[in-house]
Protein backbone atom coordinates (compact mmCIF):
# COMPACT_ATOMS: atom_id res chain seq x y z
CA MET A 1 2.49 9.72 13.41
CA ALA A 2 2.50 13.33 13.03
CA HIS A 3 3.97 14.43 15.88
CA LEU A 4 5.76 11.06 17.20
CA SER A 5 5.16 9.74 20.92
CA GLU A 6 7.63 9.14 22.98
CA ALA A 7 6.88 4.92 22.04
CA ALA A 8 7.49 5.62 18.53
CA VAL A 9 10.64 7.69 19.56
CA VAL A 10 11.94 4.51 20.93
CA LYS A 11 11.06 1.98 18.29
CA ILE A 12 12.93 4.25 15.94
CA ASN A 13 15.74 4.07 17.96
CA GLU A 14 15.14 0.44 18.34
CA ILE A 15 15.43 -0.03 14.58
CA CYS A 16 18.36 2.17 14.30
CA ASP A 17 20.21 -0.23 17.37
CA ARG A 18 19.59 -3.31 15.02
CA TYR A 19 22.01 -2.09 12.42
CA ILE A 20 24.77 -0.74 14.68
CA GLY A 21 28.10 -2.23 12.93
CA GLU A 22 26.76 -2.13 9.70
CA LYS A 23 28.89 -0.65 6.86
CA THR A 24 25.42 0.66 5.26
CA PRO A 25 22.80 0.42 7.41
CA LEU A 26 20.40 3.07 5.57
CA ILE A 27 17.86 1.46 3.41
CA MET A 28 17.36 -1.36 6.05
CA ILE A 29 16.67 0.83 8.61
CA LEU A 30 14.43 3.14 6.40
CA SER A 31 12.64 -0.39 5.13
CA ASP A 32 12.37 -1.26 8.83
CA ILE A 33 10.63 2.09 9.66
CA GLN A 34 8.49 1.81 6.18
CA LYS A 35 7.22 -1.80 7.12
CA GLU A 36 6.72 -0.65 10.79
CA TYR A 37 4.49 3.17 9.93
CA GLY A 38 3.88 2.57 6.74
CA TYR A 39 5.76 6.09 5.71
CA ILE A 40 8.72 8.06 6.49
CA PRO A 41 8.36 11.54 7.70
CA LEU A 42 10.99 14.55 8.15
CA GLU A 43 10.78 14.02 11.33
CA VAL A 44 11.68 10.60 11.60
CA GLN A 45 14.11 11.09 9.40
CA GLU A 46 15.67 13.54 11.66
CA ILE A 47 16.18 10.75 14.94
CA VAL A 48 17.61 8.29 11.59
CA SER A 49 19.99 11.53 11.42
CA GLU A 50 21.04 11.88 14.66
CA ARG A 51 21.19 8.01 15.67
CA THR A 52 23.78 7.12 12.54
CA GLY A 53 25.55 10.46 12.01
CA ILE A 54 23.92 9.99 7.74
CA SER A 55 22.80 14.18 6.88
CA VAL A 56 19.05 14.56 6.94
CA ALA A 57 19.55 15.61 3.04
CA GLU A 58 21.32 12.14 2.05
CA ILE A 59 18.63 10.18 3.87
CA TYR A 60 15.86 12.33 2.07
CA GLY A 61 17.46 11.61 -1.28
CA VAL A 62 17.34 7.87 -0.49
CA VAL A 63 13.28 8.31 0.81
CA THR A 64 12.82 9.83 -2.15
CA PHE A 65 14.71 8.13 -4.44
CA TYR A 66 13.26 4.39 -3.99
CA SER A 67 9.43 4.03 -4.85
CA PHE A 68 8.65 1.86 -1.68
CA PHE A 69 9.50 4.41 0.77
CA SER A 70 6.96 7.14 0.79
CA LEU A 71 7.16 10.48 2.82
CA LYS A 72 3.04 10.23 3.43
CA PRO A 73 1.02 7.59 5.07
CA ASN A 74 -0.36 5.42 2.49
CA GLY A 75 -3.81 3.91 2.33
CA LYS A 76 -4.15 0.27 3.42
CA TYR A 77 -4.62 -1.15 0.24
CA VAL A 78 -1.64 0.47 -2.41
CA ILE A 79 -2.41 -0.12 -6.03
CA GLY A 80 0.57 0.09 -7.63
CA CYS A 81 0.24 0.67 -11.38
CA CYS A 82 3.40 -0.48 -13.95
CA LEU A 83 3.78 2.48 -16.26
CA GLY A 84 7.17 0.84 -17.60
CA THR A 85 7.69 0.59 -21.30
CA ALA A 86 5.56 -3.15 -21.75
CA CYS A 87 2.25 -2.27 -19.61
CA TYR A 88 2.52 1.38 -20.96
CA VAL A 89 2.34 0.20 -24.37
CA LYS A 90 -0.58 -2.27 -23.56
CA GLY A 91 -2.79 0.24 -22.15
CA ALA A 92 -1.47 0.73 -18.50
CA GLN A 93 -2.32 5.32 -18.44
CA GLN A 94 -5.51 3.97 -19.54
CA ILE A 95 -5.82 1.90 -16.35
CA VAL A 96 -4.41 4.10 -14.21
CA ASP A 97 -6.61 7.27 -15.28
CA LYS A 98 -9.89 4.46 -14.86
CA PHE A 99 -8.03 4.01 -11.08
CA SER A 100 -7.78 7.97 -10.55
CA GLU A 101 -11.38 8.20 -11.95
CA LEU A 102 -13.27 5.99 -9.54
CA LEU A 103 -11.32 6.72 -6.86
CA GLY A 104 -11.31 9.81 -6.97
CA ILE A 105 -7.51 10.37 -6.44
CA LYS A 106 -4.73 11.00 -8.19
CA PRO A 107 -1.24 8.72 -8.41
CA GLY A 108 0.39 9.01 -5.47
CA GLU A 109 -2.80 10.32 -3.43
CA THR A 110 -5.00 8.93 -1.17
CA THR A 111 -8.87 8.39 -0.92
CA GLU A 112 -10.72 10.02 2.04
CA ASP A 113 -11.24 6.84 4.07
CA GLY A 114 -7.31 5.89 4.11
CA LEU A 115 -8.52 2.96 2.26
CA PHE A 116 -6.36 3.41 -1.32
CA THR A 117 -3.32 4.36 -2.53
CA ILE A 118 -2.85 4.77 -5.98
CA ASP A 119 1.10 4.44 -7.29
CA ALA A 120 2.48 4.56 -11.14
CA LEU A 121 5.40 2.65 -10.65
CA ARG A 122 8.42 2.36 -13.53
CA CYS A 123 8.60 -1.20 -14.00
CA ILE A 124 7.92 -3.83 -11.47
CA GLY A 125 9.12 -6.98 -13.63
CA ALA A 126 6.16 -8.31 -14.84
CA CYS A 127 6.59 -7.45 -18.41
CA ALA A 128 5.60 -10.94 -19.64
CA ILE A 129 1.63 -10.54 -18.26
CA ALA A 130 1.30 -6.42 -19.05
CA PRO A 131 -0.46 -4.38 -17.89
CA ALA A 132 -0.16 -5.53 -14.82
CA VAL A 133 -1.02 -3.89 -11.55
CA THR A 134 -0.21 -5.02 -7.59
CA ILE A 135 -2.21 -4.46 -4.50
CA ASN A 136 -0.30 -4.98 -1.47
CA GLY A 137 2.32 -7.60 -3.47
CA LYS A 138 -0.90 -9.23 -5.09
CA VAL A 139 -0.04 -9.25 -8.76
CA TYR A 140 -3.05 -9.01 -10.90
CA PRO A 141 -2.30 -9.78 -14.81
CA HIS A 142 -2.87 -8.46 -17.78
CA VAL A 143 -5.45 -6.15 -16.23
CA GLU A 144 -7.88 -4.28 -18.58
CA VAL A 145 -10.06 -0.82 -17.87
CA SER A 146 -13.07 -2.89 -17.97
CA GLU A 147 -12.12 -5.03 -14.66
CA VAL A 148 -10.80 -1.57 -12.62
CA ALA A 149 -14.42 -1.45 -11.00
CA GLY A 150 -14.36 -5.09 -9.99
CA ILE A 151 -11.43 -5.18 -8.81
CA ILE A 152 -11.79 -2.13 -6.15
CA ASP A 153 -14.58 -3.98 -5.77
CA GLU A 154 -13.12 -6.61 -4.24
CA TYR A 155 -10.89 -4.80 -1.85
CA LYS A 156 -14.56 -2.53 -0.25
CA ALA A 157 -15.96 -5.99 0.46
CA LYS A 158 -12.99 -7.28 1.89
CA GLU A 159 -12.74 -4.44 4.05
CA ALA A 160 -17.06 -4.46 4.60
CA ALA A 161 -16.64 -8.04 5.79
CA GLU A 162 -13.74 -6.93 8.26
CA ALA A 163 -15.76 -3.93 9.45
């Protein structure tokens, strides 16, 4: 979506139109755009600003504040590694480090093939099953460093089966 197509602009306008009359539509608009495109670049924020009258600075602030919004495209599989206190104490940093090592990317980055993004999260509310990892909504409880390669292989096999 580097340069928005006419169809994308129409779709973004349609999303904005869904929330006309709402007192605080921004989160709903951004959420729908994120679901549709996977990220919310500056060009899209400018369209939302024009349609809603909300400044680009405020929109950017919301997009960068909430971890579920992204300024750049994510991989097909987003690996969310919880680094909240309970997970951290139980070795979550080593899990993030292992994902990074095996995939060759740091948190916040996406693999060259567009398959994986690593996202270091502050807390996912799964303290009882720490350390926890999520991949596109699927939760992996009590993850151990020795399991990381198998988790990656699971998604690579899924991808190979779909190809």
